[in-house]
Amino acid sequence: MYQITNMIIDDDFVTEEYVTVQFIHHQRQYSVTFKKADLEVVNEWVFEEETSLPADLPNELIESIREEIKKKIY
């Protein structure tokens, strides 16, 4: 289970628009950025001790977050 804490929709870019979702999963804070057009993952980060590290989140979790984004922006 996860809890979304913030969602940023960057739609002011000239070339592409992005959606960044920050959430808590298993007591760790993550950030995932998607292309707004097709919700393809651009990057995934986990925040640990004031450092961001690349994350490798399960596909099921990414799909669930995509569905939440769709409900909010489409």
PDB file of N, CA and C in Angstrom:
ATOM      1  N   MET A   1       0.836  -1.176   0.000  1.00  0.00           N
ATOM      2  CA  MET A   1       0.000   0.000   0.000  1.00  0.00           C
ATOM      3  C   MET A   1       0.884   1.243   0.000  1.00  0.00           C
ATOM      4  N   TYR A   2       0.379   2.303  -0.566  1.00  0.00           N
ATOM      5  CA  TYR A   2       1.126   3.550  -0.636  1.00  0.00           C
ATOM      6  C   TYR A   2       0.183   4.712  -0.375  1.00  0.00           C
ATOM      7  N   GLN A   3       0.767   5.880  -0.102  1.00  0.00           N
ATOM      8  CA  GLN A   3      -0.014   7.087   0.110  1.00  0.00           C
ATOM      9  C   GLN A   3       0.626   8.213  -0.688  1.00  0.00           C
ATOM     10  N   ILE A   4      -0.118   8.771  -1.637  1.00  0.00           N
ATOM     11  CA  ILE A   4       0.387   9.904  -2.416  1.00  0.00           C
ATOM     12  C   ILE A   4       0.384  11.135  -1.526  1.00  0.00           C
ATOM     13  N   THR A   5       1.517  11.820  -1.484  1.00  0.00           N
ATOM     14  CA  THR A   5       1.641  13.015  -0.656  1.00  0.00           C
ATOM     15  C   THR A   5       1.669  14.293  -1.481  1.00  0.00           C
ATOM     16  N   ASN A   6       2.005  14.175  -2.782  1.00  0.00           N
ATOM     17  CA  ASN A   6       2.080  15.358  -3.640  1.00  0.00           C
ATOM     18  C   ASN A   6       2.041  14.920  -5.097  1.00  0.00           C
ATOM     19  N   MET A   7       1.395  15.735  -5.933  1.00  0.00           N
ATOM     20  CA  MET A   7       1.388  15.487  -7.372  1.00  0.00           C
ATOM     21  C   MET A   7       1.607  16.823  -8.073  1.00  0.00           C
ATOM     22  N   ILE A   8       2.620  16.866  -8.931  1.00  0.00           N
ATOM     23  CA  ILE A   8       2.956  18.083  -9.671  1.00  0.00           C
ATOM     24  C   ILE A   8       2.749  17.803 -11.149  1.00  0.00           C
ATOM     25  N   ILE A   9       1.931  18.639 -11.794  1.00  0.00           N
ATOM     26  CA  ILE A   9       1.694  18.507 -13.227  1.00  0.00           C
ATOM     27  C   ILE A   9       2.414  19.655 -13.912  1.00  0.00           C
ATOM     28  N   ASP A  10       3.505  19.332 -14.599  1.00  0.00           N
ATOM     29  CA  ASP A  10       4.297  20.340 -15.309  1.00  0.00           C
ATOM     30  C   ASP A  10       3.784  20.419 -16.736  1.00  0.00           C
ATOM     31  N   ASP A  11       2.934  21.417 -16.999  1.00  0.00           N
ATOM     32  CA  ASP A  11       2.383  21.534 -18.344  1.00  0.00           C
ATOM     33  C   ASP A  11       2.825  22.816 -19.038  1.00  0.00           C
ATOM     34  N   ASP A  12       3.889  23.412 -18.551  1.00  0.00           N
ATOM     35  CA  ASP A  12       4.406  24.635 -19.157  1.00  0.00           C
ATOM     36  C   ASP A  12       5.616  24.402 -20.041  1.00  0.00           C
ATOM     37  N   PHE A  13       6.027  23.141 -20.209  1.00  0.00           N
ATOM     38  CA  PHE A  13       7.181  22.845 -21.045  1.00  0.00           C
ATOM     39  C   PHE A  13       6.800  22.944 -22.511  1.00  0.00           C
ATOM     40  N   VAL A  14       7.726  23.397 -23.326  1.00  0.00           N
ATOM     41  CA  VAL A  14       7.476  23.565 -24.754  1.00  0.00           C
ATOM     42  C   VAL A  14       7.371  22.210 -25.449  1.00  0.00           C
ATOM     43  N   THR A  15       8.227  21.267 -25.104  1.00  0.00           N
ATOM     44  CA  THR A  15       8.265  20.002 -25.833  1.00  0.00           C
ATOM     45  C   THR A  15       7.385  18.925 -25.215  1.00  0.00           C
ATOM     46  N   GLU A  16       7.524  18.646 -23.932  1.00  0.00           N
ATOM     47  CA  GLU A  16       6.757  17.580 -23.291  1.00  0.00           C
ATOM     48  C   GLU A  16       6.255  18.036 -21.932  1.00  0.00           C
ATOM     49  N   GLU A  17       5.156  17.416 -21.511  1.00  0.00           N
ATOM     50  CA  GLU A  17       4.598  17.690 -20.197  1.00  0.00           C
ATOM     51  C   GLU A  17       4.836  16.474 -19.305  1.00  0.00           C
ATOM     52  N   TYR A  18       4.992  16.723 -18.005  1.00  0.00           N
ATOM     53  CA  TYR A  18       5.320  15.656 -17.069  1.00  0.00           C
ATOM     54  C   TYR A  18       4.414  15.703 -15.849  1.00  0.00           C
ATOM     55  N   VAL A  19       4.269  14.560 -15.207  1.00  0.00           N
ATOM     56  CA  VAL A  19       3.566  14.458 -13.933  1.00  0.00           C
ATOM     57  C   VAL A  19       4.529  13.788 -12.953  1.00  0.00           C
ATOM     58  N   THR A  20       4.774  14.451 -11.839  1.00  0.00           N
ATOM     59  CA  THR A  20       5.628  13.881 -10.800  1.00  0.00           C
ATOM     60  C   THR A  20       4.767  13.579  -9.584  1.00  0.00           C
ATOM     61  N   VAL A  21       4.867  12.351  -9.111  1.00  0.00           N
ATOM     62  CA  VAL A  21       4.093  11.907  -7.956  1.00  0.00           C
ATOM     63  C   VAL A  21       5.063  11.559  -6.833  1.00  0.00           C
ATOM     64  N   GLN A  22       4.818  12.152  -5.679  1.00  0.00           N
ATOM     65  CA  GLN A  22       5.598  11.823  -4.493  1.00  0.00           C
ATOM     66  C   GLN A  22       4.694  11.020  -3.570  1.00  0.00           C
ATOM     67  N   PHE A  23       5.224   9.950  -3.001  1.00  0.00           N
ATOM     68  CA  PHE A  23       4.395   9.082  -2.179  1.00  0.00           C
ATOM     69  C   PHE A  23       5.238   8.337  -1.158  1.00  0.00           C
ATOM     70  N   ILE A  24       4.542   7.775  -0.180  1.00  0.00           N
ATOM     71  CA  ILE A  24       5.178   6.967   0.855  1.00  0.00           C
ATOM     72  C   ILE A  24       4.750   5.522   0.638  1.00  0.00           C
ATOM     73  N   HIS A  25       5.729   4.632   0.645  1.00  0.00           N
ATOM     74  CA  HIS A  25       5.485   3.197   0.456  1.00  0.00           C
ATOM     75  C   HIS A  25       6.429   2.447   1.391  1.00  0.00           C
ATOM     76  N   HIS A  26       5.880   1.606   2.250  1.00  0.00           N
ATOM     77  CA  HIS A  26       6.681   0.877   3.251  1.00  0.00           C
ATOM     78  C   HIS A  26       7.577   1.825   4.055  1.00  0.00           C
ATOM     79  N   GLN A  27       6.995   2.939   4.475  1.00  0.00           N
ATOM     80  CA  GLN A  27       7.658   3.934   5.320  1.00  0.00           C
ATOM     81  C   GLN A  27       8.873   4.588   4.663  1.00  0.00           C
ATOM     82  N   ARG A  28       8.918   4.551   3.346  1.00  0.00           N
ATOM     83  CA  ARG A  28       9.993   5.232   2.608  1.00  0.00           C
ATOM     84  C   ARG A  28       9.351   6.212   1.633  1.00  0.00           C
ATOM     85  N   GLN A  29      10.038   7.323   1.378  1.00  0.00           N
ATOM     86  CA  GLN A  29       9.506   8.341   0.483  1.00  0.00           C
ATOM     87  C   GLN A  29      10.078   8.163  -0.920  1.00  0.00           C
ATOM     88  N   TYR A  30       9.176   8.210  -1.920  1.00  0.00           N
ATOM     89  CA  TYR A  30       9.549   8.015  -3.315  1.00  0.00           C
ATOM     90  C   TYR A  30       9.033   9.162  -4.168  1.00  0.00           C
ATOM     91  N   SER A  31       9.630   9.287  -5.345  1.00  0.00           N
ATOM     92  CA  SER A  31       9.168  10.220  -6.363  1.00  0.00           C
ATOM     93  C   SER A  31       9.288   9.524  -7.713  1.00  0.00           C
ATOM     94  N   VAL A  32       8.200   9.579  -8.489  1.00  0.00           N
ATOM     95  CA  VAL A  32       8.204   9.000  -9.829  1.00  0.00           C
ATOM     96  C   VAL A  32       7.706  10.064 -10.789  1.00  0.00           C
ATOM     97  N   THR A  33       8.430  10.257 -11.893  1.00  0.00           N
ATOM     98  CA  THR A  33       8.022  11.199 -12.925  1.00  0.00           C
ATOM     99  C   THR A  33       7.589  10.424 -14.155  1.00  0.00           C
ATOM    100  N   PHE A  34       6.419  10.822 -14.679  1.00  0.00           N
ATOM    101  CA  PHE A  34       5.837  10.205 -15.866  1.00  0.00           C
ATOM    102  C   PHE A  34       5.708  11.251 -16.967  1.00  0.00           C
ATOM    103  N   LYS A  35       5.775  10.824 -18.230  1.00  0.00           N
ATOM    104  CA  LYS A  35       5.379  11.686 -19.333  1.00  0.00           C
ATOM    105  C   LYS A  35       3.864  11.804 -19.263  1.00  0.00           C
ATOM    106  N   LYS A  36       3.355  13.016 -19.349  1.00  0.00           N
ATOM    107  CA  LYS A  36       1.914  13.208 -19.210  1.00  0.00           C
ATOM    108  C   LYS A  36       1.140  12.581 -20.366  1.00  0.00           C
ATOM    109  N   ALA A  37       1.688  12.596 -21.558  1.00  0.00           N
ATOM    110  CA  ALA A  37       0.971  12.118 -22.742  1.00  0.00           C
ATOM    111  C   ALA A  37       0.606  10.642 -22.654  1.00  0.00           C
ATOM    112  N   ASP A  38       1.539   9.795 -22.219  1.00  0.00           N
ATOM    113  CA  ASP A  38       1.280   8.350 -22.213  1.00  0.00           C
ATOM    114  C   ASP A  38       1.581   7.688 -20.863  1.00  0.00           C
ATOM    115  N   LEU A  39       1.952   8.500 -19.879  1.00  0.00           N
ATOM    116  CA  LEU A  39       2.289   8.035 -18.525  1.00  0.00           C
ATOM    117  C   LEU A  39       3.420   7.017 -18.499  1.00  0.00           C
ATOM    118  N   GLU A  40       4.345   7.169 -19.438  1.00  0.00           N
ATOM    119  CA  GLU A  40       5.569   6.362 -19.427  1.00  0.00           C
ATOM    120  C   GLU A  40       6.476   6.882 -18.313  1.00  0.00           C
ATOM    121  N   VAL A  41       7.102   5.976 -17.580  1.00  0.00           N
ATOM    122  CA  VAL A  41       7.991   6.373 -16.484  1.00  0.00           C
ATOM    123  C   VAL A  41       9.256   7.005 -17.050  1.00  0.00           C
ATOM    124  N   VAL A  42       9.591   8.182 -16.531  1.00  0.00           N
ATOM    125  CA  VAL A  42      10.820   8.875 -16.909  1.00  0.00           C
ATOM    126  C   VAL A  42      11.915   8.555 -15.894  1.00  0.00           C
ATOM    127  N   ASN A  43      11.558   8.618 -14.602  1.00  0.00           N
ATOM    128  CA  ASN A  43      12.522   8.255 -13.561  1.00  0.00           C
ATOM    129  C   ASN A  43      11.805   7.895 -12.266  1.00  0.00           C
ATOM    130  N   GLU A  44      12.516   7.178 -11.409  1.00  0.00           N
ATOM    131  CA  GLU A  44      12.010   6.743 -10.104  1.00  0.00           C
ATOM    132  C   GLU A  44      13.107   6.994  -9.072  1.00  0.00           C
ATOM    133  N   TRP A  45      12.740   7.634  -7.955  1.00  0.00           N
ATOM    134  CA  TRP A  45      13.718   7.931  -6.911  1.00  0.00           C
ATOM    135  C   TRP A  45      13.185   7.524  -5.553  1.00  0.00           C
ATOM    136  N   VAL A  46      14.072   7.098  -4.683  1.00  0.00           N
ATOM    137  CA  VAL A  46      13.772   6.887  -3.279  1.00  0.00           C
ATOM    138  C   VAL A  46      14.654   7.862  -2.499  1.00  0.00           C
ATOM    139  N   PHE A  47      14.070   8.468  -1.459  1.00  0.00           N
ATOM    140  CA  PHE A  47      14.814   9.444  -0.662  1.00  0.00           C
ATOM    141  C   PHE A  47      15.244   8.795   0.648  1.00  0.00           C
ATOM    142  N   GLU A  48      16.554   8.801   0.882  1.00  0.00           N
ATOM    143  CA  GLU A  48      17.123   8.221   2.096  1.00  0.00           C
ATOM    144  C   GLU A  48      18.182   9.158   2.656  1.00  0.00           C
ATOM    145  N   GLU A  49      18.008   9.521   3.912  1.00  0.00           N
ATOM    146  CA  GLU A  49      18.997  10.343   4.604  1.00  0.00           C
ATOM    147  C   GLU A  49      19.443  11.542   3.777  1.00  0.00           C
ATOM    148  N   GLU A  50      18.465  12.314   3.313  1.00  0.00           N
ATOM    149  CA  GLU A  50      18.698  13.540   2.546  1.00  0.00           C
ATOM    150  C   GLU A  50      19.407  13.301   1.222  1.00  0.00           C
ATOM    151  N   THR A  51      19.313  12.094   0.699  1.00  0.00           N
ATOM    152  CA  THR A  51      19.910  11.746  -0.592  1.00  0.00           C
ATOM    153  C   THR A  51      18.851  11.061  -1.440  1.00  0.00           C
ATOM    154  N   SER A  52      18.867  11.322  -2.741  1.00  0.00           N
ATOM    155  CA  SER A  52      17.960  10.602  -3.638  1.00  0.00           C
ATOM    156  C   SER A  52      18.754   9.541  -4.393  1.00  0.00           C
ATOM    157  N   LEU A  53      18.173   8.348  -4.430  1.00  0.00           N
ATOM    158  CA  LEU A  53      18.806   7.213  -5.098  1.00  0.00           C
ATOM    159  C   LEU A  53      17.832   6.637  -6.118  1.00  0.00           C
ATOM    160  N   PRO A  54      18.325   6.061  -7.206  1.00  0.00           N
ATOM    161  CA  PRO A  54      17.415   5.428  -8.170  1.00  0.00           C
ATOM    162  C   PRO A  54      16.620   4.309  -7.484  1.00  0.00           C
ATOM    163  N   ALA A  55      15.345   4.242  -7.815  1.00  0.00           N
ATOM    164  CA  ALA A  55      14.477   3.208  -7.241  1.00  0.00           C
ATOM    165  C   ALA A  55      14.073   2.223  -8.329  1.00  0.00           C
ATOM    166  N   ASP A  56      13.725   1.033  -7.910  1.00  0.00           N
ATOM    167  CA  ASP A  56      13.225   0.000  -8.822  1.00  0.00           C
ATOM    168  C   ASP A  56      11.918  -0.519  -8.235  1.00  0.00           C
ATOM    169  N   LEU A  57      10.836   0.178  -8.571  1.00  0.00           N
ATOM    170  CA  LEU A  57       9.536  -0.152  -7.995  1.00  0.00           C
ATOM    171  C   LEU A  57       8.832  -1.245  -8.792  1.00  0.00           C
ATOM    172  N   PRO A  58       8.018  -2.056  -8.130  1.00  0.00           N
ATOM    173  CA  PRO A  58       7.292  -3.124  -8.826  1.00  0.00           C
ATOM    174  C   PRO A  58       6.309  -2.561  -9.856  1.00  0.00           C
ATOM    175  N   ASN A  59       6.150  -3.267 -10.956  1.00  0.00           N
ATOM    176  CA  ASN A  59       5.231  -2.830 -12.011  1.00  0.00           C
ATOM    177  C   ASN A  59       3.809  -2.656 -11.492  1.00  0.00           C
ATOM    178  N   GLU A  60       3.382  -3.505 -10.565  1.00  0.00           N
ATOM    179  CA  GLU A  60       2.031  -3.407 -10.018  1.00  0.00           C
ATOM    180  C   GLU A  60       1.821  -2.068  -9.311  1.00  0.00           C
ATOM    181  N   LEU A  61       2.838  -1.604  -8.610  1.00  0.00           N
ATOM    182  CA  LEU A  61       2.753  -0.326  -7.919  1.00  0.00           C
ATOM    183  C   LEU A  61       2.697   0.818  -8.926  1.00  0.00           C
ATOM    184  N   ILE A  62       3.535   0.771  -9.943  1.00  0.00           N
ATOM    185  CA  ILE A  62       3.541   1.808 -10.984  1.00  0.00           C
ATOM    186  C   ILE A  62       2.180   1.862 -11.676  1.00  0.00           C
ATOM    187  N   GLU A  63       1.611   0.705 -11.996  1.00  0.00           N
ATOM    188  CA  GLU A  63       0.299   0.659 -12.655  1.00  0.00           C
ATOM    189  C   GLU A  63      -0.784   1.262 -11.770  1.00  0.00           C
ATOM    190  N   SER A  64      -0.740   0.987 -10.496  1.00  0.00           N
ATOM    191  CA  SER A  64      -1.715   1.544  -9.569  1.00  0.00           C
ATOM    192  C   SER A  64      -1.608   3.064  -9.510  1.00  0.00           C
ATOM    193  N   ILE A  65      -0.400   3.578  -9.483  1.00  0.00           N
ATOM    194  CA  ILE A  65      -0.192   5.030  -9.468  1.00  0.00           C
ATOM    195  C   ILE A  65      -0.672   5.638 -10.777  1.00  0.00           C
ATOM    196  N   ARG A  66      -0.399   4.982 -11.897  1.00  0.00           N
ATOM    197  CA  ARG A  66      -0.895   5.467 -13.194  1.00  0.00           C
ATOM    198  C   ARG A  66      -2.418   5.629 -13.171  1.00  0.00           C
ATOM    199  N   GLU A  67      -3.102   4.643 -12.620  1.00  0.00           N
ATOM    200  CA  GLU A  67      -4.567   4.698 -12.561  1.00  0.00           C
ATOM    201  C   GLU A  67      -5.033   5.885 -11.724  1.00  0.00           C
ATOM    202  N   GLU A  68      -4.353   6.164 -10.637  1.00  0.00           N
ATOM    203  CA  GLU A  68      -4.710   7.327  -9.820  1.00  0.00           C
ATOM    204  C   GLU A  68      -4.474   8.626 -10.577  1.00  0.00           C
ATOM    205  N   ILE A  69      -3.377   8.699 -11.320  1.00  0.00           N
ATOM    206  CA  ILE A  69      -3.097   9.895 -12.118  1.00  0.00           C
ATOM    207  C   ILE A  69      -4.191  10.093 -13.152  1.00  0.00           C
ATOM    208  N   LYS A  70      -4.565   9.034 -13.845  1.00  0.00           N
ATOM    209  CA  LYS A  70      -5.620   9.132 -14.864  1.00  0.00           C
ATOM    210  C   LYS A  70      -6.904   9.697 -14.274  1.00  0.00           C
ATOM    211  N   LYS A  71      -7.268   9.254 -13.088  1.00  0.00           N
ATOM    212  CA  LYS A  71      -8.492   9.732 -12.443  1.00  0.00           C
ATOM    213  C   LYS A  71      -8.424  11.225 -12.141  1.00  0.00           C
ATOM    214  N   LYS A  72      -7.223  11.714 -11.868  1.00  0.00           N
ATOM    215  CA  LYS A  72      -7.080  13.114 -11.461  1.00  0.00           C
ATOM    216  C   LYS A  72      -6.861  14.080 -12.613  1.00  0.00           C
ATOM    217  N   ILE A  73      -6.281  13.614 -13.719  1.00  0.00           N
ATOM    218  CA  ILE A  73      -5.952  14.579 -14.780  1.00  0.00           C
ATOM    219  C   ILE A  73      -6.725  14.383 -16.072  1.00  0.00           C
ATOM    220  N   TYR A  74      -7.426  13.281 -16.228  1.00  0.00           N
ATOM    221  CA  TYR A  74      -8.170  13.063 -17.479  1.00  0.00           C
ATOM    222  C   TYR A  74      -9.659  13.069 -17.235  1.00  0.00           C
TER     223      TYR A  74
END
